[in-house]
mmCIF file of all heavy atoms, coordinates in Angstrom:
data_MODEL
# 
_entry.id   MODEL 
# 
loop_
_atom_site.group_PDB 
_atom_site.id 
_atom_site.type_symbol 
_atom_site.label_atom_id 
_atom_site.label_alt_id 
_atom_site.label_comp_id 
_atom_site.label_asym_id 
_atom_site.label_entity_id 
_atom_site.label_seq_id 
_atom_site.pdbx_PDB_ins_code 
_atom_site.Cartn_x 
_atom_site.Cartn_y 
_atom_site.Cartn_z 
_atom_site.occupancy 
_atom_site.B_iso_or_equiv 
_atom_site.pdbx_formal_charge 
_atom_site.auth_seq_id 
_atom_site.auth_comp_id 
_atom_site.auth_asym_id 
_atom_site.auth_atom_id 
_atom_site.pdbx_PDB_model_num 
ATOM 1   N N   . ASP A 1 1  ? 2.973   25.828 -10.591 1.00 0.00 ? 1  ASP A N   1 
ATOM 2   C CA  . ASP A 1 1  ? 2.054   25.566 -11.658 1.00 0.00 ? 1  ASP A CA  1 
ATOM 3   C C   . ASP A 1 1  ? 0.734   26.279 -11.359 1.00 0.00 ? 1  ASP A C   1 
ATOM 4   O O   . ASP A 1 1  ? 0.271   26.298 -10.196 1.00 0.00 ? 1  ASP A O   1 
ATOM 5   C CB  . ASP A 1 1  ? 1.801   24.062 -11.753 1.00 0.00 ? 1  ASP A CB  1 
ATOM 6   C CG  . ASP A 1 1  ? 3.034   23.334 -12.279 1.00 0.00 ? 1  ASP A CG  1 
ATOM 7   O OD1 . ASP A 1 1  ? 3.867   24.021 -12.919 1.00 0.00 ? 1  ASP A OD1 1 
ATOM 8   O OD2 . ASP A 1 1  ? 3.161   22.102 -11.992 1.00 0.00 ? 1  ASP A OD2 1 
ATOM 9   N N   . ALA A 1 2  ? 0.119   26.751 -12.370 1.00 0.00 ? 2  ALA A N   1 
ATOM 10  C CA  . ALA A 1 2  ? -1.187  27.479 -12.241 1.00 0.00 ? 2  ALA A CA  1 
ATOM 11  C C   . ALA A 1 2  ? -2.253  26.560 -11.646 1.00 0.00 ? 2  ALA A C   1 
ATOM 12  O O   . ALA A 1 2  ? -3.025  26.943 -10.787 1.00 0.00 ? 2  ALA A O   1 
ATOM 13  C CB  . ALA A 1 2  ? -1.627  28.106 -13.538 1.00 0.00 ? 2  ALA A CB  1 
ATOM 14  N N   . ARG A 1 3  ? -2.269  25.345 -12.163 1.00 0.00 ? 3  ARG A N   1 
ATOM 15  C CA  . ARG A 1 3  ? -3.181  24.357 -11.675 1.00 0.00 ? 3  ARG A CA  1 
ATOM 16  C C   . ARG A 1 3  ? -2.462  23.467 -10.697 1.00 0.00 ? 3  ARG A C   1 
ATOM 17  O O   . ARG A 1 3  ? -1.767  22.499 -11.115 1.00 0.00 ? 3  ARG A O   1 
ATOM 18  C CB  . ARG A 1 3  ? -3.892  23.601 -12.799 1.00 0.00 ? 3  ARG A CB  1 
ATOM 19  C CG  . ARG A 1 3  ? -4.703  24.511 -13.694 1.00 0.00 ? 3  ARG A CG  1 
ATOM 20  C CD  . ARG A 1 3  ? -5.612  23.808 -14.616 1.00 0.00 ? 3  ARG A CD  1 
ATOM 21  N NE  . ARG A 1 3  ? -6.454  24.750 -15.348 1.00 0.00 ? 3  ARG A NE  1 
ATOM 22  C CZ  . ARG A 1 3  ? -7.429  24.402 -16.220 1.00 0.00 ? 3  ARG A CZ  1 
ATOM 23  N NH1 . ARG A 1 3  ? -7.662  23.076 -16.417 1.00 0.00 ? 3  ARG A NH1 1 
ATOM 24  N NH2 . ARG A 1 3  ? -8.133  25.313 -16.848 1.00 0.00 ? 3  ARG A NH2 1 
ATOM 25  N N   . VAL A 1 4  ? -2.562  23.770 -9.469  1.00 0.00 ? 4  VAL A N   1 
ATOM 26  C CA  . VAL A 1 4  ? -1.747  23.144 -8.446  1.00 0.00 ? 4  VAL A CA  1 
ATOM 27  C C   . VAL A 1 4  ? -2.083  21.695 -8.260  1.00 0.00 ? 4  VAL A C   1 
ATOM 28  O O   . VAL A 1 4  ? -3.249  21.286 -8.247  1.00 0.00 ? 4  VAL A O   1 
ATOM 29  C CB  . VAL A 1 4  ? -1.839  23.885 -7.107  1.00 0.00 ? 4  VAL A CB  1 
ATOM 30  C CG1 . VAL A 1 4  ? -0.945  23.231 -6.064  1.00 0.00 ? 4  VAL A CG1 1 
ATOM 31  C CG2 . VAL A 1 4  ? -1.516  25.391 -7.265  1.00 0.00 ? 4  VAL A CG2 1 
ATOM 32  N N   . ARG A 1 5  ? -0.996  20.855 -8.116  1.00 0.00 ? 5  ARG A N   1 
ATOM 33  C CA  . ARG A 1 5  ? -1.187  19.427 -7.843  1.00 0.00 ? 5  ARG A CA  1 
ATOM 34  C C   . ARG A 1 5  ? -0.894  19.187 -6.323  1.00 0.00 ? 5  ARG A C   1 
ATOM 35  O O   . ARG A 1 5  ? 0.106   19.653 -5.816  1.00 0.00 ? 5  ARG A O   1 
ATOM 36  C CB  . ARG A 1 5  ? -0.213  18.639 -8.700  1.00 0.00 ? 5  ARG A CB  1 
ATOM 37  C CG  . ARG A 1 5  ? -0.309  17.129 -8.469  1.00 0.00 ? 5  ARG A CG  1 
ATOM 38  C CD  . ARG A 1 5  ? 0.634   16.330 -9.316  1.00 0.00 ? 5  ARG A CD  1 
ATOM 39  N NE  . ARG A 1 5  ? 0.553   14.895 -9.096  1.00 0.00 ? 5  ARG A NE  1 
ATOM 40  C CZ  . ARG A 1 5  ? -0.383  14.075 -9.635  1.00 0.00 ? 5  ARG A CZ  1 
ATOM 41  N NH1 . ARG A 1 5  ? -1.256  14.597 -10.519 1.00 0.00 ? 5  ARG A NH1 1 
ATOM 42  N NH2 . ARG A 1 5  ? -0.415  12.814 -9.380  1.00 0.00 ? 5  ARG A NH2 1 
ATOM 43  N N   . PHE A 1 6  ? -1.754  18.415 -5.730  1.00 0.00 ? 6  PHE A N   1 
ATOM 44  C CA  . PHE A 1 6  ? -1.603  18.086 -4.291  1.00 0.00 ? 6  PHE A CA  1 
ATOM 45  C C   . PHE A 1 6  ? -1.404  16.550 -4.202  1.00 0.00 ? 6  PHE A C   1 
ATOM 46  O O   . PHE A 1 6  ? -2.153  15.775 -4.917  1.00 0.00 ? 6  PHE A O   1 
ATOM 47  C CB  . PHE A 1 6  ? -2.883  18.493 -3.503  1.00 0.00 ? 6  PHE A CB  1 
ATOM 48  C CG  . PHE A 1 6  ? -3.123  19.948 -3.523  1.00 0.00 ? 6  PHE A CG  1 
ATOM 49  C CD1 . PHE A 1 6  ? -3.840  20.555 -4.536  1.00 0.00 ? 6  PHE A CD1 1 
ATOM 50  C CD2 . PHE A 1 6  ? -2.599  20.790 -2.533  1.00 0.00 ? 6  PHE A CD2 1 
ATOM 51  C CE1 . PHE A 1 6  ? -4.145  21.902 -4.516  1.00 0.00 ? 6  PHE A CE1 1 
ATOM 52  C CE2 . PHE A 1 6  ? -2.818  22.128 -2.551  1.00 0.00 ? 6  PHE A CE2 1 
ATOM 53  C CZ  . PHE A 1 6  ? -3.582  22.722 -3.519  1.00 0.00 ? 6  PHE A CZ  1 
ATOM 54  N N   . GLU A 1 7  ? -0.521  16.159 -3.296  1.00 0.00 ? 7  GLU A N   1 
ATOM 55  C CA  . GLU A 1 7  ? -0.269  14.767 -3.116  1.00 0.00 ? 7  GLU A CA  1 
ATOM 56  C C   . GLU A 1 7  ? -0.086  14.474 -1.624  1.00 0.00 ? 7  GLU A C   1 
ATOM 57  O O   . GLU A 1 7  ? 0.345   15.296 -0.827  1.00 0.00 ? 7  GLU A O   1 
ATOM 58  C CB  . GLU A 1 7  ? 1.036   14.325 -3.832  1.00 0.00 ? 7  GLU A CB  1 
ATOM 59  C CG  . GLU A 1 7  ? 0.976   14.479 -5.395  1.00 0.00 ? 7  GLU A CG  1 
ATOM 60  C CD  . GLU A 1 7  ? 2.286   14.051 -6.042  1.00 0.00 ? 7  GLU A CD  1 
ATOM 61  O OE1 . GLU A 1 7  ? 3.172   13.583 -5.286  1.00 0.00 ? 7  GLU A OE1 1 
ATOM 62  O OE2 . GLU A 1 7  ? 2.394   14.208 -7.232  1.00 0.00 ? 7  GLU A OE2 1 
ATOM 63  N N   . TRP A 1 8  ? -0.495  13.212 -1.208  1.00 0.00 ? 8  TRP A N   1 
ATOM 64  C CA  . TRP A 1 8  ? -0.353  12.752 0.140   1.00 0.00 ? 8  TRP A CA  1 
ATOM 65  C C   . TRP A 1 8  ? -0.154  11.270 0.215   1.00 0.00 ? 8  TRP A C   1 
ATOM 66  O O   . TRP A 1 8  ? -0.284  10.608 -0.810  1.00 0.00 ? 8  TRP A O   1 
ATOM 67  C CB  . TRP A 1 8  ? -1.608  13.182 0.959   1.00 0.00 ? 8  TRP A CB  1 
ATOM 68  C CG  . TRP A 1 8  ? -2.890  12.708 0.313   1.00 0.00 ? 8  TRP A CG  1 
ATOM 69  C CD1 . TRP A 1 8  ? -3.541  11.542 0.507   1.00 0.00 ? 8  TRP A CD1 1 
ATOM 70  C CD2 . TRP A 1 8  ? -3.742  13.458 -0.656  1.00 0.00 ? 8  TRP A CD2 1 
ATOM 71  N NE1 . TRP A 1 8  ? -4.700  11.476 -0.241  1.00 0.00 ? 8  TRP A NE1 1 
ATOM 72  C CE2 . TRP A 1 8  ? -4.853  12.672 -0.909  1.00 0.00 ? 8  TRP A CE2 1 
ATOM 73  C CE3 . TRP A 1 8  ? -3.616  14.762 -1.193  1.00 0.00 ? 8  TRP A CE3 1 
ATOM 74  C CZ2 . TRP A 1 8  ? -5.847  13.088 -1.818  1.00 0.00 ? 8  TRP A CZ2 1 
ATOM 75  C CZ3 . TRP A 1 8  ? -4.625  15.151 -2.041  1.00 0.00 ? 8  TRP A CZ3 1 
ATOM 76  C CH2 . TRP A 1 8  ? -5.702  14.355 -2.367  1.00 0.00 ? 8  TRP A CH2 1 
ATOM 77  N N   . ALA A 1 9  ? 0.228   10.813 1.370   1.00 0.00 ? 9  ALA A N   1 
ATOM 78  C CA  . ALA A 1 9  ? 0.518   9.328  1.537   1.00 0.00 ? 9  ALA A CA  1 
ATOM 79  C C   . ALA A 1 9  ? -0.736  8.523  1.285   1.00 0.00 ? 9  ALA A C   1 
ATOM 80  O O   . ALA A 1 9  ? -1.804  8.840  1.772   1.00 0.00 ? 9  ALA A O   1 
ATOM 81  C CB  . ALA A 1 9  ? 1.108   9.133  2.909   1.00 0.00 ? 9  ALA A CB  1 
ATOM 82  N N   . HIS A 1 10 ? -0.549  7.410  0.609   1.00 0.00 ? 10 HIS A N   1 
ATOM 83  C CA  . HIS A 1 10 ? -1.688  6.513  0.331   1.00 0.00 ? 10 HIS A CA  1 
ATOM 84  C C   . HIS A 1 10 ? -1.936  5.592  1.527   1.00 0.00 ? 10 HIS A C   1 
ATOM 85  O O   . HIS A 1 10 ? -1.069  5.055  2.150   1.00 0.00 ? 10 HIS A O   1 
ATOM 86  C CB  . HIS A 1 10 ? -1.350  5.624  -0.880  1.00 0.00 ? 10 HIS A CB  1 
ATOM 87  C CG  . HIS A 1 10 ? -2.337  4.556  -1.125  1.00 0.00 ? 10 HIS A CG  1 
ATOM 88  N ND1 . HIS A 1 10 ? -3.672  4.795  -1.430  1.00 0.00 ? 10 HIS A ND1 1 
ATOM 89  C CD2 . HIS A 1 10 ? -2.224  3.176  -1.087  1.00 0.00 ? 10 HIS A CD2 1 
ATOM 90  C CE1 . HIS A 1 10 ? -4.321  3.654  -1.595  1.00 0.00 ? 10 HIS A CE1 1 
ATOM 91  N NE2 . HIS A 1 10 ? -3.443  2.671  -1.362  1.00 0.00 ? 10 HIS A NE2 1 
ATOM 92  N N   . ASN A 1 11 ? -3.252  5.443  1.871   1.00 0.00 ? 11 ASN A N   1 
ATOM 93  C CA  . ASN A 1 11 ? -3.654  4.524  2.883   1.00 0.00 ? 11 ASN A CA  1 
ATOM 94  C C   . ASN A 1 11 ? -4.345  3.332  2.236   1.00 0.00 ? 11 ASN A C   1 
ATOM 95  O O   . ASN A 1 11 ? -5.369  3.545  1.589   1.00 0.00 ? 11 ASN A O   1 
ATOM 96  C CB  . ASN A 1 11 ? -4.650  5.206  3.858   1.00 0.00 ? 11 ASN A CB  1 
ATOM 97  C CG  . ASN A 1 11 ? -5.037  4.349  5.020   1.00 0.00 ? 11 ASN A CG  1 
ATOM 98  O OD1 . ASN A 1 11 ? -4.989  3.103  4.936   1.00 0.00 ? 11 ASN A OD1 1 
ATOM 99  N ND2 . ASN A 1 11 ? -5.442  4.954  6.116   1.00 0.00 ? 11 ASN A ND2 1 
ATOM 100 N N   . PRO A 1 12 ? -3.776  2.121  2.318   1.00 0.00 ? 12 PRO A N   1 
ATOM 101 C CA  . PRO A 1 12 ? -4.394  0.970  1.640   1.00 0.00 ? 12 PRO A CA  1 
ATOM 102 C C   . PRO A 1 12 ? -5.808  0.644  2.098   1.00 0.00 ? 12 PRO A C   1 
ATOM 103 O O   . PRO A 1 12 ? -6.534  -0.005 1.338   1.00 0.00 ? 12 PRO A O   1 
ATOM 104 C CB  . PRO A 1 12 ? -3.435  -0.181 2.021   1.00 0.00 ? 12 PRO A CB  1 
ATOM 105 C CG  . PRO A 1 12 ? -2.329  0.372  2.745   1.00 0.00 ? 12 PRO A CG  1 
ATOM 106 C CD  . PRO A 1 12 ? -2.590  1.767  3.095   1.00 0.00 ? 12 PRO A CD  1 
ATOM 107 N N   . GLU A 1 13 ? -6.216  1.107  3.251   1.00 0.00 ? 13 GLU A N   1 
ATOM 108 C CA  . GLU A 1 13 ? -7.546  0.873  3.767   1.00 0.00 ? 13 GLU A CA  1 
ATOM 109 C C   . GLU A 1 13 ? -8.537  2.003  3.456   1.00 0.00 ? 13 GLU A C   1 
ATOM 110 O O   . GLU A 1 13 ? -9.654  1.946  3.923   1.00 0.00 ? 13 GLU A O   1 
ATOM 111 C CB  . GLU A 1 13 ? -7.498  0.654  5.268   1.00 0.00 ? 13 GLU A CB  1 
ATOM 112 C CG  . GLU A 1 13 ? -6.654  -0.581 5.689   1.00 0.00 ? 13 GLU A CG  1 
ATOM 113 C CD  . GLU A 1 13 ? -6.572  -0.763 7.152   1.00 0.00 ? 13 GLU A CD  1 
ATOM 114 O OE1 . GLU A 1 13 ? -7.107  0.093  7.901   1.00 0.00 ? 13 GLU A OE1 1 
ATOM 115 O OE2 . GLU A 1 13 ? -5.969  -1.790 7.628   1.00 0.00 ? 13 GLU A OE2 1 
ATOM 116 N N   . ALA A 1 14 ? -8.051  2.986  2.729   1.00 0.00 ? 14 ALA A N   1 
ATOM 117 C CA  . ALA A 1 14 ? -8.898  4.173  2.499   1.00 0.00 ? 14 ALA A CA  1 
ATOM 118 C C   . ALA A 1 14 ? -10.119 3.842  1.647   1.00 0.00 ? 14 ALA A C   1 
ATOM 119 O O   . ALA A 1 14 ? -10.017 3.151  0.628   1.00 0.00 ? 14 ALA A O   1 
ATOM 120 C CB  . ALA A 1 14 ? -8.092  5.246  1.758   1.00 0.00 ? 14 ALA A CB  1 
ATOM 121 N N   . GLY A 1 15 ? -11.298 4.301  2.149   1.00 0.00 ? 15 GLY A N   1 
ATOM 122 C CA  . GLY A 1 15 ? -12.485 4.222  1.289   1.00 0.00 ? 15 GLY A CA  1 
ATOM 123 C C   . GLY A 1 15 ? -12.613 5.504  0.519   1.00 0.00 ? 15 GLY A C   1 
ATOM 124 O O   . GLY A 1 15 ? -13.151 5.482  -0.601  1.00 0.00 ? 15 GLY A O   1 
ATOM 125 N N   . ALA A 1 16 ? -12.230 6.598  1.113   1.00 0.00 ? 16 ALA A N   1 
ATOM 126 C CA  . ALA A 1 16 ? -12.271 7.918  0.423   1.00 0.00 ? 16 ALA A CA  1 
ATOM 127 C C   . ALA A 1 16 ? -11.380 8.864  1.162   1.00 0.00 ? 16 ALA A C   1 
ATOM 128 O O   . ALA A 1 16 ? -11.123 8.689  2.370   1.00 0.00 ? 16 ALA A O   1 
ATOM 129 C CB  . ALA A 1 16 ? -13.692 8.444  0.390   1.00 0.00 ? 16 ALA A CB  1 
ATOM 130 N N   . TYR A 1 17 ? -10.867 9.839  0.439   1.00 0.00 ? 17 TYR A N   1 
ATOM 131 C CA  . TYR A 1 17 ? -10.079 10.942 0.993   1.00 0.00 ? 17 TYR A CA  1 
ATOM 132 C C   . TYR A 1 17 ? -10.883 12.160 1.002   1.00 0.00 ? 17 TYR A C   1 
ATOM 133 O O   . TYR A 1 17 ? -11.771 12.376 0.166   1.00 0.00 ? 17 TYR A O   1 
ATOM 134 C CB  . TYR A 1 17 ? -8.781  11.119 0.203   1.00 0.00 ? 17 TYR A CB  1 
ATOM 135 C CG  . TYR A 1 17 ? -7.833  9.964  0.226   1.00 0.00 ? 17 TYR A CG  1 
ATOM 136 C CD1 . TYR A 1 17 ? -7.720  9.131  -0.878  1.00 0.00 ? 17 TYR A CD1 1 
ATOM 137 C CD2 . TYR A 1 17 ? -7.053  9.706  1.364   1.00 0.00 ? 17 TYR A CD2 1 
ATOM 138 C CE1 . TYR A 1 17 ? -6.823  8.033  -0.889  1.00 0.00 ? 17 TYR A CE1 1 
ATOM 139 C CE2 . TYR A 1 17 ? -6.147  8.639  1.341   1.00 0.00 ? 17 TYR A CE2 1 
ATOM 140 C CZ  . TYR A 1 17 ? -6.061  7.808  0.238   1.00 0.00 ? 17 TYR A CZ  1 
ATOM 141 O OH  . TYR A 1 17 ? -5.191  6.755  0.272   1.00 0.00 ? 17 TYR A OH  1 
ATOM 142 N N   . HIS A 1 18 ? -10.609 13.037 1.978   1.00 0.00 ? 18 HIS A N   1 
ATOM 143 C CA  . HIS A 1 18 ? -11.325 14.297 2.184   1.00 0.00 ? 18 HIS A CA  1 
ATOM 144 C C   . HIS A 1 18 ? -10.307 15.404 2.098   1.00 0.00 ? 18 HIS A C   1 
ATOM 145 O O   . HIS A 1 18 ? -9.339  15.441 2.837   1.00 0.00 ? 18 HIS A O   1 
ATOM 146 C CB  . HIS A 1 18 ? -12.041 14.330 3.532   1.00 0.00 ? 18 HIS A CB  1 
ATOM 147 C CG  . HIS A 1 18 ? -12.782 13.050 3.791   1.00 0.00 ? 18 HIS A CG  1 
ATOM 148 N ND1 . HIS A 1 18 ? -13.915 12.683 3.165   1.00 0.00 ? 18 HIS A ND1 1 
ATOM 149 C CD2 . HIS A 1 18 ? -12.540 12.006 4.652   1.00 0.00 ? 18 HIS A CD2 1 
ATOM 150 C CE1 . HIS A 1 18 ? -14.360 11.516 3.609   1.00 0.00 ? 18 HIS A CE1 1 
ATOM 151 N NE2 . HIS A 1 18 ? -13.458 11.082 4.472   1.00 0.00 ? 18 HIS A NE2 1 
ATOM 152 N N   . PHE A 1 19 ? -10.529 16.343 1.180   1.00 0.00 ? 19 PHE A N   1 
ATOM 153 C CA  . PHE A 1 19 ? -9.570  17.401 0.859   1.00 0.00 ? 19 PHE A CA  1 
ATOM 154 C C   . PHE A 1 19 ? -10.217 18.764 1.077   1.00 0.00 ? 19 PHE A C   1 
ATOM 155 O O   . PHE A 1 19 ? -11.347 18.982 0.691   1.00 0.00 ? 19 PHE A O   1 
ATOM 156 C CB  . PHE A 1 19 ? -9.082  17.277 -0.562  1.00 0.00 ? 19 PHE A CB  1 
ATOM 157 C CG  . PHE A 1 19 ? -8.198  18.368 -1.043  1.00 0.00 ? 19 PHE A CG  1 
ATOM 158 C CD1 . PHE A 1 19 ? -6.822  18.361 -0.830  1.00 0.00 ? 19 PHE A CD1 1 
ATOM 159 C CD2 . PHE A 1 19 ? -8.750  19.508 -1.637  1.00 0.00 ? 19 PHE A CD2 1 
ATOM 160 C CE1 . PHE A 1 19 ? -6.032  19.387 -1.275  1.00 0.00 ? 19 PHE A CE1 1 
ATOM 161 C CE2 . PHE A 1 19 ? -7.962  20.518 -2.083  1.00 0.00 ? 19 PHE A CE2 1 
ATOM 162 C CZ  . PHE A 1 19 ? -6.599  20.491 -1.890  1.00 0.00 ? 19 PHE A CZ  1 
ATOM 163 N N   . GLN A 1 20 ? -9.380  19.678 1.665   1.00 0.00 ? 20 GLN A N   1 
ATOM 164 C CA  . GLN A 1 20 ? -9.883  21.057 1.760   1.00 0.00 ? 20 GLN A CA  1 
ATOM 165 C C   . GLN A 1 20 ? -8.729  21.988 1.448   1.00 0.00 ? 20 GLN A C   1 
ATOM 166 O O   . GLN A 1 20 ? -7.576  21.788 1.926   1.00 0.00 ? 20 GLN A O   1 
ATOM 167 C CB  . GLN A 1 20 ? -10.387 21.370 3.190   1.00 0.00 ? 20 GLN A CB  1 
ATOM 168 C CG  . GLN A 1 20 ? -11.746 20.737 3.478   1.00 0.00 ? 20 GLN A CG  1 
ATOM 169 C CD  . GLN A 1 20 ? -12.294 21.206 4.835   1.00 0.00 ? 20 GLN A CD  1 
ATOM 170 O OE1 . GLN A 1 20 ? -11.580 21.672 5.702   1.00 0.00 ? 20 GLN A OE1 1 
ATOM 171 N NE2 . GLN A 1 20 ? -13.589 21.061 5.021   1.00 0.00 ? 20 GLN A NE2 1 
ATOM 172 N N   . LEU A 1 21 ? -9.045  23.074 0.690   1.00 0.00 ? 21 LEU A N   1 
ATOM 173 C CA  . LEU A 1 21 ? -8.120  24.142 0.384   1.00 0.00 ? 21 LEU A CA  1 
ATOM 174 C C   . LEU A 1 21 ? -8.740  25.446 0.869   1.00 0.00 ? 21 LEU A C   1 
ATOM 175 O O   . LEU A 1 21 ? -9.919  25.682 0.558   1.00 0.00 ? 21 LEU A O   1 
ATOM 176 C CB  . LEU A 1 21 ? -7.796  24.217 -1.107  1.00 0.00 ? 21 LEU A CB  1 
ATOM 177 C CG  . LEU A 1 21 ? -6.971  25.382 -1.601  1.00 0.00 ? 21 LEU A CG  1 
ATOM 178 C CD1 . LEU A 1 21 ? -5.576  25.304 -1.061  1.00 0.00 ? 21 LEU A CD1 1 
ATOM 179 C CD2 . LEU A 1 21 ? -7.005  25.455 -3.121  1.00 0.00 ? 21 LEU A CD2 1 
ATOM 180 N N   . ALA A 1 22 ? -7.985  26.233 1.602   1.00 0.00 ? 22 ALA A N   1 
ATOM 181 C CA  . ALA A 1 22 ? -8.573  27.427 2.172   1.00 0.00 ? 22 ALA A CA  1 
ATOM 182 C C   . ALA A 1 22 ? -7.579  28.608 2.033   1.00 0.00 ? 22 ALA A C   1 
ATOM 183 O O   . ALA A 1 22 ? -6.405  28.454 1.808   1.00 0.00 ? 22 ALA A O   1 
ATOM 184 C CB  . ALA A 1 22 ? -8.915  27.259 3.660   1.00 0.00 ? 22 ALA A CB  1 
ATOM 185 N N   . ALA A 1 23 ? -8.154  29.810 2.148   1.00 0.00 ? 23 ALA A N   1 
ATOM 186 C CA  . ALA A 1 23 ? -7.362  31.042 2.090   1.00 0.00 ? 23 ALA A CA  1 
ATOM 187 C C   . ALA A 1 23 ? -6.922  31.504 3.444   1.00 0.00 ? 23 ALA A C   1 
ATOM 188 O O   . ALA A 1 23 ? -6.241  32.520 3.551   1.00 0.00 ? 23 ALA A O   1 
ATOM 189 C CB  . ALA A 1 23 ? -8.196  32.174 1.382   1.00 0.00 ? 23 ALA A CB  1 
ATOM 190 N N   . ASP A 1 24 ? -7.313  30.743 4.519   1.00 0.00 ? 24 ASP A N   1 
ATOM 191 C CA  . ASP A 1 24 ? -6.883  31.166 5.860   1.00 0.00 ? 24 ASP A CA  1 
ATOM 192 C C   . ASP A 1 24 ? -6.606  29.886 6.689   1.00 0.00 ? 24 ASP A C   1 
ATOM 193 O O   . ASP A 1 24 ? -7.071  28.809 6.400   1.00 0.00 ? 24 ASP A O   1 
ATOM 194 C CB  . ASP A 1 24 ? -8.013  31.966 6.557   1.00 0.00 ? 24 ASP A CB  1 
ATOM 195 C CG  . ASP A 1 24 ? -9.252  31.164 6.793   1.00 0.00 ? 24 ASP A CG  1 
ATOM 196 O OD1 . ASP A 1 24 ? -9.834  30.688 5.758   1.00 0.00 ? 24 ASP A OD1 1 
ATOM 197 O OD2 . ASP A 1 24 ? -9.615  30.975 7.934   1.00 0.00 ? 24 ASP A OD2 1 
# 
């Protein structure tokens, strides 16, 4: 898909998730 979807395991204690996408 042109607009890529990212998914990861849910942490019930999560206050926030931190995501990074890089070219290297």
